[in-house]
Amino acid sequence: MAPSKRPTLADVIRGIRNRNGWTLKQMSDKCGIPVSTLSKVEHGRLTLTYDKLQQVSDRLNLRMSDLFAEENDDSSAKVTGRRSIGTIENAVQVTTDNYDYHYLCTDLRQKRMIPIITRIRAQSAKEFGDLVTHHGEEFVFVLEGAIEVHSEFYDPVTLTQGESIYLDSSMGHAYVTAADCEEAVVLGVCSSPDEGLLDSLMNLRAGAGD
C-alpha cells in the first residue's frame, strides 16, 4: 500500500474551511487573514508566520498544533511506522527575548518528543529572568558555543560543544550563554506523555523567555 500523503498547511487550512462550510471571505472575516492570503495558502503558494498562525489559532479556537498537521481518521493511532524529515528551512520559528527556536518535524501530531534547534542569546540568569517549568523531561546537546545551565535544585553547570544534559522539566531551569560566549546553538528534545506538549511549549516560550 502506498504511504499516505503528508498533510500540508494548505491541506489543513482548506480542510478547516470545508468542514465548516465557509467561503474564503467568511473564513477571512473569522480569522482576520486577508482573502488573497488565504487563497495563496490554500494553493501552496504562501505560508503563514508564527504570529499569523497564532492569530488563526486564537480566533478559530484551535490548538496551535492543529495547524501543523491534520488527523485523517482514528486509524492513524494504530500506525507505528511514522517518520518525518526535519530541516531548518521547514521548521516553525519562534523568536523570544532570550532565544530563537526552530521547531522540527511539526507535520507529525501527538508526538511524545518535541525536537527543537535553539539559538541562545541570553547572557546571564539575571537577563533571562525567572526560571521556567513545564511538564515532562528534556535533553539538550550543545552544537555550537558553550552554555550555562541554571536549575532549581543544583548549582549552575557549564556545558561546551559536544556536551549534554538531561533534566526534569518540572524543575525550574534556564539556559544562558557561558562566559565569553555571545551566542550558542543547542539541540533540545522535550518529552512528555501529555499530548498537548507542543502547545504548552509554544505558549510558554512565546509568552515568556524560555
N, C-alpha and C. Protein backbone atom coordinates (compact mmCIF):
# COMPACT_ATOMS: atom_id res chain seq x y z
N MET A 1 0.85 -1.20 0.00
CA MET A 1 0.00 0.00 0.00
C MET A 1 0.88 1.24 0.00
N ALA A 2 0.58 2.20 -0.86
CA ALA A 2 1.38 3.43 -0.94
C ALA A 2 1.20 4.25 0.33
N PRO A 3 2.28 4.90 0.80
CA PRO A 3 2.15 5.72 2.01
C PRO A 3 1.24 6.90 1.77
N SER A 4 0.51 7.31 2.81
CA SER A 4 -0.41 8.44 2.69
C SER A 4 0.36 9.74 2.56
N LYS A 5 -0.22 10.66 1.82
CA LYS A 5 0.41 11.96 1.60
C LYS A 5 0.43 12.75 2.90
N ARG A 6 1.56 13.36 3.19
CA ARG A 6 1.68 14.16 4.40
C ARG A 6 0.87 15.45 4.27
N PRO A 7 -0.02 15.74 5.20
CA PRO A 7 -0.81 16.97 5.12
C PRO A 7 0.09 18.20 5.17
N THR A 8 -0.23 19.18 4.37
CA THR A 8 0.49 20.46 4.38
C THR A 8 -0.40 21.51 5.04
N LEU A 9 0.16 22.69 5.26
CA LEU A 9 -0.65 23.79 5.80
C LEU A 9 -1.81 24.09 4.87
N ALA A 10 -1.56 23.99 3.56
CA ALA A 10 -2.64 24.22 2.59
C ALA A 10 -3.77 23.23 2.81
N ASP A 11 -3.44 21.95 3.01
CA ASP A 11 -4.47 20.93 3.25
C ASP A 11 -5.24 21.23 4.53
N VAL A 12 -4.53 21.63 5.57
CA VAL A 12 -5.16 21.87 6.86
C VAL A 12 -6.11 23.06 6.80
N ILE A 13 -5.65 24.17 6.23
CA ILE A 13 -6.49 25.37 6.14
C ILE A 13 -7.72 25.09 5.28
N ARG A 14 -7.52 24.41 4.13
CA ARG A 14 -8.64 24.08 3.27
C ARG A 14 -9.61 23.14 3.98
N GLY A 15 -9.07 22.18 4.73
CA GLY A 15 -9.92 21.24 5.45
C GLY A 15 -10.77 21.91 6.50
N ILE A 16 -10.16 22.85 7.25
CA ILE A 16 -10.92 23.58 8.27
C ILE A 16 -12.05 24.37 7.63
N ARG A 17 -11.75 25.02 6.51
CA ARG A 17 -12.77 25.84 5.84
C ARG A 17 -13.89 24.97 5.28
N ASN A 18 -13.53 23.85 4.64
CA ASN A 18 -14.54 22.99 4.03
C ASN A 18 -15.43 22.33 5.08
N ARG A 19 -14.83 21.90 6.20
CA ARG A 19 -15.63 21.25 7.24
C ARG A 19 -16.68 22.18 7.82
N ASN A 20 -16.34 23.46 7.86
CA ASN A 20 -17.27 24.45 8.41
C ASN A 20 -18.20 25.05 7.36
N GLY A 21 -17.96 24.69 6.09
CA GLY A 21 -18.81 25.22 5.03
C GLY A 21 -18.62 26.70 4.78
N TRP A 22 -17.40 27.21 5.04
CA TRP A 22 -17.14 28.63 4.86
C TRP A 22 -16.60 28.93 3.47
N THR A 23 -16.94 30.10 2.96
CA THR A 23 -16.26 30.63 1.79
C THR A 23 -14.93 31.23 2.27
N LEU A 24 -14.06 31.56 1.32
CA LEU A 24 -12.81 32.22 1.69
C LEU A 24 -13.10 33.52 2.43
N LYS A 25 -14.12 34.25 1.96
CA LYS A 25 -14.45 35.53 2.60
C LYS A 25 -14.92 35.31 4.04
N GLN A 26 -15.74 34.30 4.26
CA GLN A 26 -16.23 34.03 5.61
C GLN A 26 -15.08 33.62 6.55
N MET A 27 -14.18 32.79 6.05
CA MET A 27 -13.05 32.39 6.88
C MET A 27 -12.13 33.58 7.15
N SER A 28 -11.97 34.43 6.15
CA SER A 28 -11.16 35.64 6.32
C SER A 28 -11.74 36.53 7.42
N ASP A 29 -13.05 36.69 7.42
CA ASP A 29 -13.71 37.51 8.44
C ASP A 29 -13.51 36.93 9.84
N LYS A 30 -13.52 35.61 9.92
CA LYS A 30 -13.42 34.96 11.22
C LYS A 30 -12.00 34.96 11.78
N CYS A 31 -10.99 34.77 10.91
CA CYS A 31 -9.62 34.66 11.42
C CYS A 31 -8.78 35.91 11.22
N GLY A 32 -9.29 36.88 10.44
CA GLY A 32 -8.56 38.13 10.27
C GLY A 32 -7.43 38.07 9.27
N ILE A 33 -7.35 37.00 8.47
CA ILE A 33 -6.33 36.89 7.43
C ILE A 33 -6.97 37.29 6.10
N PRO A 34 -6.33 38.16 5.30
CA PRO A 34 -6.94 38.61 4.05
C PRO A 34 -7.30 37.45 3.12
N VAL A 35 -8.36 37.64 2.34
CA VAL A 35 -8.81 36.60 1.41
C VAL A 35 -7.69 36.20 0.46
N SER A 36 -6.97 37.18 -0.07
CA SER A 36 -5.91 36.88 -1.03
C SER A 36 -4.82 36.02 -0.40
N THR A 37 -4.51 36.29 0.88
CA THR A 37 -3.50 35.50 1.58
C THR A 37 -3.98 34.07 1.80
N LEU A 38 -5.25 33.92 2.24
CA LEU A 38 -5.80 32.59 2.45
C LEU A 38 -5.81 31.78 1.16
N SER A 39 -6.14 32.43 0.05
CA SER A 39 -6.18 31.74 -1.23
C SER A 39 -4.79 31.23 -1.60
N LYS A 40 -3.78 32.05 -1.39
CA LYS A 40 -2.40 31.64 -1.71
C LYS A 40 -1.95 30.49 -0.81
N VAL A 41 -2.35 30.55 0.47
CA VAL A 41 -2.00 29.47 1.40
C VAL A 41 -2.65 28.17 0.95
N GLU A 42 -3.93 28.22 0.59
CA GLU A 42 -4.65 27.01 0.17
C GLU A 42 -4.08 26.40 -1.11
N HIS A 43 -3.46 27.24 -1.93
CA HIS A 43 -2.86 26.74 -3.17
C HIS A 43 -1.37 26.46 -3.03
N GLY A 44 -0.89 26.53 -1.79
CA GLY A 44 0.51 26.18 -1.54
C GLY A 44 1.51 27.20 -2.03
N ARG A 45 1.07 28.42 -2.30
CA ARG A 45 1.98 29.45 -2.81
C ARG A 45 2.50 30.37 -1.71
N LEU A 46 2.01 30.17 -0.49
CA LEU A 46 2.38 31.04 0.62
C LEU A 46 2.19 30.28 1.91
N THR A 47 3.04 30.57 2.90
CA THR A 47 2.84 30.01 4.23
C THR A 47 2.52 31.14 5.19
N LEU A 48 2.28 30.83 6.45
CA LEU A 48 1.94 31.85 7.44
C LEU A 48 3.03 31.93 8.49
N THR A 49 3.33 33.14 8.96
CA THR A 49 4.30 33.31 10.03
C THR A 49 3.72 32.78 11.34
N TYR A 50 4.58 32.64 12.33
CA TYR A 50 4.11 32.15 13.63
C TYR A 50 3.02 33.07 14.19
N ASP A 51 3.20 34.39 14.07
CA ASP A 51 2.21 35.33 14.59
C ASP A 51 0.86 35.13 13.93
N LYS A 52 0.87 34.88 12.61
CA LYS A 52 -0.40 34.68 11.89
C LYS A 52 -1.03 33.34 12.26
N LEU A 53 -0.18 32.30 12.44
CA LEU A 53 -0.71 31.01 12.88
C LEU A 53 -1.35 31.15 14.26
N GLN A 54 -0.70 31.90 15.15
CA GLN A 54 -1.26 32.13 16.47
C GLN A 54 -2.58 32.87 16.38
N GLN A 55 -2.67 33.83 15.47
CA GLN A 55 -3.91 34.59 15.28
C GLN A 55 -5.04 33.67 14.81
N VAL A 56 -4.73 32.81 13.83
CA VAL A 56 -5.75 31.86 13.34
C VAL A 56 -6.18 30.92 14.46
N SER A 57 -5.19 30.42 15.20
CA SER A 57 -5.47 29.51 16.31
C SER A 57 -6.39 30.15 17.33
N ASP A 58 -6.08 31.38 17.72
CA ASP A 58 -6.87 32.08 18.75
C ASP A 58 -8.29 32.37 18.26
N ARG A 59 -8.41 32.89 17.05
CA ARG A 59 -9.72 33.34 16.56
C ARG A 59 -10.65 32.18 16.18
N LEU A 60 -10.05 31.05 15.78
CA LEU A 60 -10.88 29.89 15.42
C LEU A 60 -10.97 28.89 16.56
N ASN A 61 -10.38 29.25 17.72
CA ASN A 61 -10.44 28.40 18.91
C ASN A 61 -9.85 27.02 18.63
N LEU A 62 -8.64 27.01 18.02
CA LEU A 62 -7.93 25.78 17.71
C LEU A 62 -6.65 25.72 18.52
N ARG A 63 -6.14 24.50 18.69
CA ARG A 63 -4.79 24.36 19.24
C ARG A 63 -3.80 24.72 18.15
N MET A 64 -2.66 25.30 18.54
CA MET A 64 -1.64 25.64 17.55
C MET A 64 -1.21 24.41 16.76
N SER A 65 -1.08 23.27 17.43
CA SER A 65 -0.63 22.06 16.75
C SER A 65 -1.62 21.58 15.71
N ASP A 66 -2.91 21.98 15.81
CA ASP A 66 -3.90 21.59 14.82
C ASP A 66 -3.57 22.18 13.44
N LEU A 67 -2.77 23.24 13.42
CA LEU A 67 -2.44 23.90 12.15
C LEU A 67 -1.20 23.32 11.50
N PHE A 68 -0.50 22.46 12.21
CA PHE A 68 0.72 21.88 11.64
C PHE A 68 0.44 20.61 10.86
N ALA A 69 -0.50 19.81 11.33
CA ALA A 69 -0.87 18.59 10.62
C ALA A 69 -2.26 18.20 11.07
N GLU A 70 -2.96 17.51 10.21
CA GLU A 70 -4.36 17.19 10.48
C GLU A 70 -4.55 15.69 10.58
N GLU A 71 -5.30 15.24 11.59
CA GLU A 71 -5.62 13.83 11.71
C GLU A 71 -6.54 13.44 10.57
N ASN A 72 -6.22 12.34 9.89
CA ASN A 72 -7.08 11.89 8.81
C ASN A 72 -8.26 11.08 9.33
N ASP A 73 -7.99 10.13 10.27
CA ASP A 73 -9.04 9.32 10.85
C ASP A 73 -8.49 8.64 12.09
N ASP A 74 -9.36 7.89 12.78
CA ASP A 74 -8.96 7.24 14.02
C ASP A 74 -7.92 6.16 13.82
N SER A 75 -7.79 5.64 12.59
CA SER A 75 -6.83 4.57 12.35
C SER A 75 -5.40 5.05 12.45
N SER A 76 -5.18 6.38 12.43
CA SER A 76 -3.82 6.90 12.49
C SER A 76 -3.12 6.50 13.77
N ALA A 77 -3.90 6.31 14.85
CA ALA A 77 -3.30 5.94 16.12
C ALA A 77 -2.70 4.54 16.08
N LYS A 78 -3.15 3.70 15.11
CA LYS A 78 -2.67 2.33 15.03
C LYS A 78 -1.40 2.21 14.20
N VAL A 79 -1.05 3.25 13.47
CA VAL A 79 0.13 3.21 12.61
C VAL A 79 1.38 3.42 13.46
N THR A 80 2.35 2.53 13.31
CA THR A 80 3.57 2.63 14.12
C THR A 80 4.78 3.04 13.29
N GLY A 81 4.61 3.17 11.98
CA GLY A 81 5.77 3.47 11.13
C GLY A 81 5.87 4.93 10.74
N ARG A 82 5.52 5.83 11.67
CA ARG A 82 5.57 7.26 11.34
C ARG A 82 7.00 7.72 11.17
N ARG A 83 7.20 8.72 10.34
CA ARG A 83 8.50 9.36 10.24
C ARG A 83 8.32 10.77 9.70
N SER A 84 9.32 11.60 9.91
CA SER A 84 9.28 12.97 9.43
C SER A 84 10.71 13.45 9.21
N ILE A 85 10.94 14.14 8.11
CA ILE A 85 12.26 14.72 7.82
C ILE A 85 12.23 16.18 8.25
N GLY A 86 13.13 16.56 9.15
CA GLY A 86 13.15 17.94 9.64
C GLY A 86 14.36 18.70 9.14
N THR A 87 14.13 19.92 8.67
CA THR A 87 15.22 20.82 8.27
C THR A 87 14.94 22.20 8.85
N ILE A 88 15.97 23.01 8.90
CA ILE A 88 15.79 24.39 9.37
C ILE A 88 14.82 25.13 8.47
N GLU A 89 14.86 24.81 7.16
CA GLU A 89 14.01 25.51 6.19
C GLU A 89 12.53 25.25 6.43
N ASN A 90 12.16 24.02 6.85
CA ASN A 90 10.73 23.76 7.06
C ASN A 90 10.34 23.77 8.53
N ALA A 91 11.25 24.23 9.39
CA ALA A 91 10.94 24.33 10.82
C ALA A 91 10.02 25.52 11.08
N VAL A 92 9.29 25.46 12.17
CA VAL A 92 8.48 26.60 12.62
C VAL A 92 9.34 27.43 13.57
N GLN A 93 9.56 28.68 13.21
CA GLN A 93 10.46 29.53 14.00
C GLN A 93 9.68 30.40 14.97
N VAL A 94 10.17 30.44 16.20
CA VAL A 94 9.60 31.31 17.24
C VAL A 94 10.75 32.08 17.87
N THR A 95 10.63 33.40 17.92
CA THR A 95 11.68 34.25 18.48
C THR A 95 11.19 34.88 19.78
N THR A 96 12.01 34.78 20.82
CA THR A 96 11.70 35.42 22.10
C THR A 96 12.88 36.32 22.47
N ASP A 97 12.77 36.99 23.60
CA ASP A 97 13.86 37.87 24.03
C ASP A 97 15.16 37.10 24.25
N ASN A 98 15.06 35.86 24.70
CA ASN A 98 16.25 35.08 25.05
C ASN A 98 16.70 34.11 23.98
N TYR A 99 15.77 33.61 23.18
CA TYR A 99 16.08 32.50 22.27
C TYR A 99 15.47 32.71 20.89
N ASP A 100 16.07 32.01 19.91
CA ASP A 100 15.43 31.78 18.61
C ASP A 100 15.20 30.27 18.51
N TYR A 101 13.92 29.87 18.45
CA TYR A 101 13.58 28.45 18.39
C TYR A 101 13.27 28.03 16.95
N HIS A 102 13.67 26.82 16.60
CA HIS A 102 13.25 26.20 15.34
C HIS A 102 12.65 24.84 15.69
N TYR A 103 11.31 24.76 15.64
CA TYR A 103 10.62 23.51 15.96
C TYR A 103 10.65 22.60 14.74
N LEU A 104 11.19 21.39 14.92
CA LEU A 104 11.37 20.46 13.81
C LEU A 104 10.23 19.44 13.75
N CYS A 105 10.00 18.90 12.54
CA CYS A 105 9.05 17.79 12.34
C CYS A 105 7.64 18.14 12.85
N THR A 106 7.19 19.35 12.58
CA THR A 106 5.89 19.77 13.09
C THR A 106 4.73 19.18 12.30
N ASP A 107 5.02 18.44 11.20
CA ASP A 107 3.93 17.82 10.46
C ASP A 107 3.35 16.62 11.20
N LEU A 108 4.07 16.08 12.18
CA LEU A 108 3.57 14.96 12.96
C LEU A 108 2.84 15.47 14.20
N ARG A 109 1.63 14.98 14.41
CA ARG A 109 0.87 15.37 15.58
C ARG A 109 1.01 14.32 16.67
N GLN A 110 0.63 14.69 17.87
CA GLN A 110 0.60 13.79 19.02
C GLN A 110 1.96 13.13 19.26
N LYS A 111 3.01 13.92 19.08
CA LYS A 111 4.36 13.40 19.34
C LYS A 111 4.61 13.33 20.83
N ARG A 112 5.38 12.33 21.26
CA ARG A 112 5.81 12.24 22.64
C ARG A 112 7.12 12.99 22.85
N MET A 113 7.80 13.34 21.75
CA MET A 113 9.04 14.09 21.82
C MET A 113 8.95 15.30 20.90
N ILE A 114 9.43 16.45 21.36
CA ILE A 114 9.44 17.67 20.57
C ILE A 114 10.89 18.08 20.32
N PRO A 115 11.41 17.91 19.09
CA PRO A 115 12.80 18.31 18.79
C PRO A 115 12.88 19.79 18.42
N ILE A 116 13.86 20.48 18.98
CA ILE A 116 13.98 21.92 18.79
C ILE A 116 15.46 22.30 18.64
N ILE A 117 15.78 23.05 17.59
CA ILE A 117 17.09 23.70 17.49
C ILE A 117 16.92 25.11 18.06
N THR A 118 17.77 25.46 19.02
CA THR A 118 17.63 26.74 19.71
C THR A 118 18.92 27.54 19.67
N ARG A 119 18.81 28.80 19.28
CA ARG A 119 19.94 29.73 19.38
C ARG A 119 19.74 30.53 20.66
N ILE A 120 20.69 30.42 21.57
CA ILE A 120 20.59 31.05 22.89
C ILE A 120 21.33 32.38 22.87
N ARG A 121 20.62 33.45 23.26
CA ARG A 121 21.22 34.79 23.27
C ARG A 121 21.32 35.39 24.66
N ALA A 122 20.50 34.93 25.60
CA ALA A 122 20.56 35.47 26.97
C ALA A 122 21.94 35.18 27.57
N GLN A 123 22.55 36.17 28.20
CA GLN A 123 23.94 36.02 28.64
C GLN A 123 24.10 35.94 30.15
N SER A 124 22.98 35.93 30.89
CA SER A 124 23.08 35.78 32.34
C SER A 124 21.72 35.36 32.87
N ALA A 125 21.72 34.77 34.05
CA ALA A 125 20.46 34.38 34.68
C ALA A 125 19.61 35.61 34.97
N LYS A 126 20.25 36.71 35.33
CA LYS A 126 19.51 37.95 35.60
C LYS A 126 18.82 38.44 34.34
N GLU A 127 19.53 38.41 33.22
CA GLU A 127 18.95 38.83 31.95
C GLU A 127 17.81 37.89 31.54
N PHE A 128 17.96 36.59 31.81
CA PHE A 128 16.96 35.61 31.43
C PHE A 128 15.64 35.84 32.17
N GLY A 129 15.73 36.07 33.48
CA GLY A 129 14.52 36.25 34.28
C GLY A 129 14.20 35.01 35.09
N ASP A 130 12.93 34.84 35.44
CA ASP A 130 12.53 33.71 36.28
C ASP A 130 12.80 32.38 35.59
N LEU A 131 13.20 31.38 36.40
CA LEU A 131 13.33 30.03 35.88
C LEU A 131 11.97 29.55 35.38
N VAL A 132 11.98 28.69 34.37
CA VAL A 132 10.72 28.21 33.80
C VAL A 132 10.51 26.73 34.11
N THR A 133 9.27 26.30 34.06
CA THR A 133 8.92 24.90 34.29
C THR A 133 7.84 24.48 33.30
N HIS A 134 7.82 23.21 32.97
CA HIS A 134 6.74 22.63 32.16
C HIS A 134 6.75 21.13 32.38
N HIS A 135 5.75 20.44 31.90
CA HIS A 135 5.64 19.00 32.12
C HIS A 135 6.73 18.24 31.37
N GLY A 136 7.10 17.07 31.88
CA GLY A 136 7.96 16.16 31.14
C GLY A 136 9.43 16.26 31.50
N GLU A 137 10.26 15.78 30.58
CA GLU A 137 11.71 15.79 30.72
C GLU A 137 12.31 16.35 29.45
N GLU A 138 13.58 16.74 29.51
CA GLU A 138 14.22 17.26 28.31
C GLU A 138 15.70 16.93 28.26
N PHE A 139 16.20 16.88 27.03
CA PHE A 139 17.61 16.60 26.76
C PHE A 139 18.14 17.73 25.91
N VAL A 140 19.31 18.26 26.25
CA VAL A 140 19.92 19.36 25.49
C VAL A 140 21.36 19.00 25.16
N PHE A 141 21.72 19.12 23.88
CA PHE A 141 23.07 18.83 23.39
C PHE A 141 23.63 20.10 22.76
N VAL A 142 24.82 20.50 23.17
CA VAL A 142 25.42 21.75 22.67
C VAL A 142 26.05 21.51 21.30
N LEU A 143 25.55 22.22 20.28
CA LEU A 143 26.08 22.12 18.93
C LEU A 143 27.17 23.14 18.66
N GLU A 144 26.98 24.36 19.15
CA GLU A 144 27.95 25.43 18.94
C GLU A 144 28.07 26.26 20.21
N GLY A 145 29.29 26.74 20.51
CA GLY A 145 29.50 27.61 21.65
C GLY A 145 29.47 26.86 22.97
N ALA A 146 29.07 27.57 24.01
CA ALA A 146 29.02 26.99 25.36
C ALA A 146 27.85 27.62 26.11
N ILE A 147 27.23 26.85 26.99
CA ILE A 147 26.07 27.35 27.74
C ILE A 147 26.25 27.13 29.24
N GLU A 148 25.50 27.89 30.00
CA GLU A 148 25.44 27.71 31.45
C GLU A 148 24.01 27.32 31.79
N VAL A 149 23.85 26.21 32.48
CA VAL A 149 22.53 25.70 32.83
C VAL A 149 22.23 26.02 34.29
N HIS A 150 21.16 26.76 34.52
CA HIS A 150 20.72 27.10 35.86
C HIS A 150 19.48 26.26 36.17
N SER A 151 19.42 25.69 37.37
CA SER A 151 18.27 24.88 37.74
C SER A 151 17.94 25.07 39.21
N GLU A 152 16.74 24.69 39.56
CA GLU A 152 16.18 24.97 40.87
C GLU A 152 16.93 24.30 42.01
N PHE A 153 17.41 23.09 41.81
CA PHE A 153 17.99 22.30 42.91
C PHE A 153 19.50 22.06 42.79
N TYR A 154 20.13 22.63 41.74
CA TYR A 154 21.55 22.37 41.51
C TYR A 154 22.29 23.68 41.27
N ASP A 155 23.60 23.65 41.52
CA ASP A 155 24.44 24.78 41.17
C ASP A 155 24.54 24.89 39.65
N PRO A 156 24.79 26.09 39.12
CA PRO A 156 24.93 26.23 37.67
C PRO A 156 26.06 25.34 37.15
N VAL A 157 25.88 24.81 35.94
CA VAL A 157 26.88 23.97 35.30
C VAL A 157 27.14 24.49 33.90
N THR A 158 28.39 24.46 33.47
CA THR A 158 28.77 24.92 32.13
C THR A 158 28.95 23.72 31.21
N LEU A 159 28.34 23.80 30.02
CA LEU A 159 28.47 22.76 29.02
C LEU A 159 29.06 23.36 27.75
N THR A 160 30.04 22.69 27.17
CA THR A 160 30.67 23.15 25.93
C THR A 160 30.23 22.27 24.77
N GLN A 161 30.68 22.61 23.57
CA GLN A 161 30.29 21.88 22.37
C GLN A 161 30.54 20.37 22.55
N GLY A 162 29.52 19.57 22.24
CA GLY A 162 29.63 18.13 22.35
C GLY A 162 29.16 17.58 23.68
N GLU A 163 28.85 18.45 24.64
CA GLU A 163 28.37 18.01 25.94
C GLU A 163 26.85 18.16 26.02
N SER A 164 26.23 17.47 26.98
CA SER A 164 24.76 17.45 27.04
C SER A 164 24.28 17.36 28.47
N ILE A 165 22.97 17.57 28.63
CA ILE A 165 22.33 17.45 29.94
C ILE A 165 20.93 16.89 29.75
N TYR A 166 20.48 16.11 30.71
CA TYR A 166 19.13 15.55 30.73
C TYR A 166 18.51 15.96 32.06
N LEU A 167 17.33 16.54 32.03
CA LEU A 167 16.76 17.02 33.29
C LEU A 167 15.24 16.92 33.32
N ASP A 168 14.72 17.00 34.52
CA ASP A 168 13.28 17.02 34.80
C ASP A 168 12.77 18.42 34.50
N SER A 169 11.89 18.54 33.51
CA SER A 169 11.44 19.87 33.08
C SER A 169 10.53 20.55 34.09
N SER A 170 9.97 19.78 35.04
CA SER A 170 9.13 20.40 36.06
C SER A 170 9.95 21.12 37.12
N MET A 171 11.28 20.91 37.09
CA MET A 171 12.21 21.66 37.94
C MET A 171 12.52 22.97 37.24
N GLY A 172 12.49 24.07 37.96
CA GLY A 172 12.81 25.36 37.37
C GLY A 172 14.17 25.30 36.68
N HIS A 173 14.26 25.87 35.45
CA HIS A 173 15.52 25.78 34.71
C HIS A 173 15.64 26.93 33.71
N ALA A 174 16.88 27.19 33.30
CA ALA A 174 17.14 28.23 32.30
C ALA A 174 18.48 27.93 31.65
N TYR A 175 18.58 28.24 30.36
CA TYR A 175 19.82 28.09 29.61
C TYR A 175 20.28 29.47 29.16
N VAL A 176 21.53 29.81 29.47
CA VAL A 176 22.12 31.08 29.04
C VAL A 176 23.49 30.78 28.46
N THR A 177 24.07 31.76 27.77
CA THR A 177 25.40 31.55 27.22
C THR A 177 26.44 31.58 28.35
N ALA A 178 27.50 30.81 28.16
CA ALA A 178 28.58 30.79 29.14
C ALA A 178 29.42 32.06 29.00
N ALA A 179 30.30 32.28 29.96
CA ALA A 179 31.17 33.46 29.94
C ALA A 179 31.98 33.51 28.65
N ASP A 180 32.11 34.71 28.08
CA ASP A 180 32.88 34.95 26.86
C ASP A 180 32.27 34.28 25.63
N CYS A 181 30.99 33.91 25.69
CA CYS A 181 30.30 33.33 24.53
C CYS A 181 29.06 34.17 24.27
N GLU A 182 29.00 34.81 23.11
CA GLU A 182 27.88 35.71 22.81
C GLU A 182 26.61 34.95 22.45
N GLU A 183 26.74 33.86 21.69
CA GLU A 183 25.60 33.05 21.30
C GLU A 183 25.99 31.58 21.30
N ALA A 184 25.02 30.71 21.50
CA ALA A 184 25.24 29.27 21.44
C ALA A 184 24.05 28.63 20.75
N VAL A 185 24.30 27.48 20.13
CA VAL A 185 23.23 26.74 19.46
C VAL A 185 23.15 25.34 20.07
N VAL A 186 21.94 24.91 20.43
CA VAL A 186 21.76 23.60 21.05
C VAL A 186 20.63 22.85 20.34
N LEU A 187 20.70 21.53 20.42
CA LEU A 187 19.59 20.68 20.03
C LEU A 187 18.90 20.24 21.30
N GLY A 188 17.61 20.52 21.41
CA GLY A 188 16.85 20.12 22.58
C GLY A 188 15.74 19.16 22.19
N VAL A 189 15.46 18.20 23.04
CA VAL A 189 14.33 17.29 22.84
C VAL A 189 13.51 17.27 24.12
N CYS A 190 12.27 17.74 24.03
CA CYS A 190 11.36 17.74 25.18
C CYS A 190 10.41 16.56 25.03
N SER A 191 10.16 15.85 26.13
CA SER A 191 9.34 14.65 26.09
C SER A 191 8.31 14.68 27.20
N SER A 192 7.10 14.20 26.89
CA SER A 192 6.04 14.13 27.88
C SER A 192 4.92 13.26 27.37
N PRO A 193 4.22 12.52 28.23
CA PRO A 193 3.03 11.78 27.80
C PRO A 193 1.86 12.71 27.50
N ASP A 194 1.98 13.97 27.85
CA ASP A 194 0.94 14.95 27.60
C ASP A 194 0.84 15.24 26.11
N GLU A 195 -0.32 14.96 25.49
CA GLU A 195 -0.48 15.18 24.06
C GLU A 195 -0.44 16.66 23.69
N GLY A 196 -0.64 17.53 24.66
CA GLY A 196 -0.62 18.96 24.39
C GLY A 196 0.74 19.59 24.63
N LEU A 197 1.81 18.77 24.63
CA LEU A 197 3.14 19.30 24.95
C LEU A 197 3.56 20.41 24.01
N LEU A 198 3.37 20.22 22.70
CA LEU A 198 3.79 21.25 21.74
C LEU A 198 3.08 22.56 22.01
N ASP A 199 1.78 22.51 22.23
CA ASP A 199 1.03 23.74 22.52
C ASP A 199 1.54 24.43 23.78
N SER A 200 1.76 23.64 24.84
CA SER A 200 2.20 24.24 26.10
C SER A 200 3.58 24.85 25.95
N LEU A 201 4.47 24.20 25.19
CA LEU A 201 5.81 24.75 24.99
C LEU A 201 5.76 26.04 24.20
N MET A 202 4.98 26.06 23.13
CA MET A 202 4.94 27.26 22.30
C MET A 202 4.29 28.43 23.02
N ASN A 203 3.25 28.15 23.79
CA ASN A 203 2.61 29.22 24.55
C ASN A 203 3.54 29.73 25.64
N LEU A 204 4.25 28.82 26.29
CA LEU A 204 5.20 29.19 27.33
C LEU A 204 6.30 30.06 26.78
N ARG A 205 6.86 29.63 25.65
CA ARG A 205 8.05 30.28 25.12
C ARG A 205 7.74 31.53 24.35
N ALA A 206 6.56 31.61 23.76
CA ALA A 206 6.18 32.84 23.09
C ALA A 206 5.80 33.92 24.09
N GLY A 207 5.28 33.48 25.23
CA GLY A 207 4.82 34.46 26.23
C GLY A 207 5.89 34.85 27.21
N ALA A 208 6.83 33.91 27.50
CA ALA A 208 7.89 34.21 28.45
C ALA A 208 9.20 34.23 27.71
N GLY A 209 10.29 33.94 28.41
CA GLY A 209 11.59 33.98 27.75
C GLY A 209 12.09 32.63 27.38
N ASP A 210 11.46 31.54 27.89
CA ASP A 210 12.01 30.19 27.67
C ASP A 210 11.77 29.72 26.25
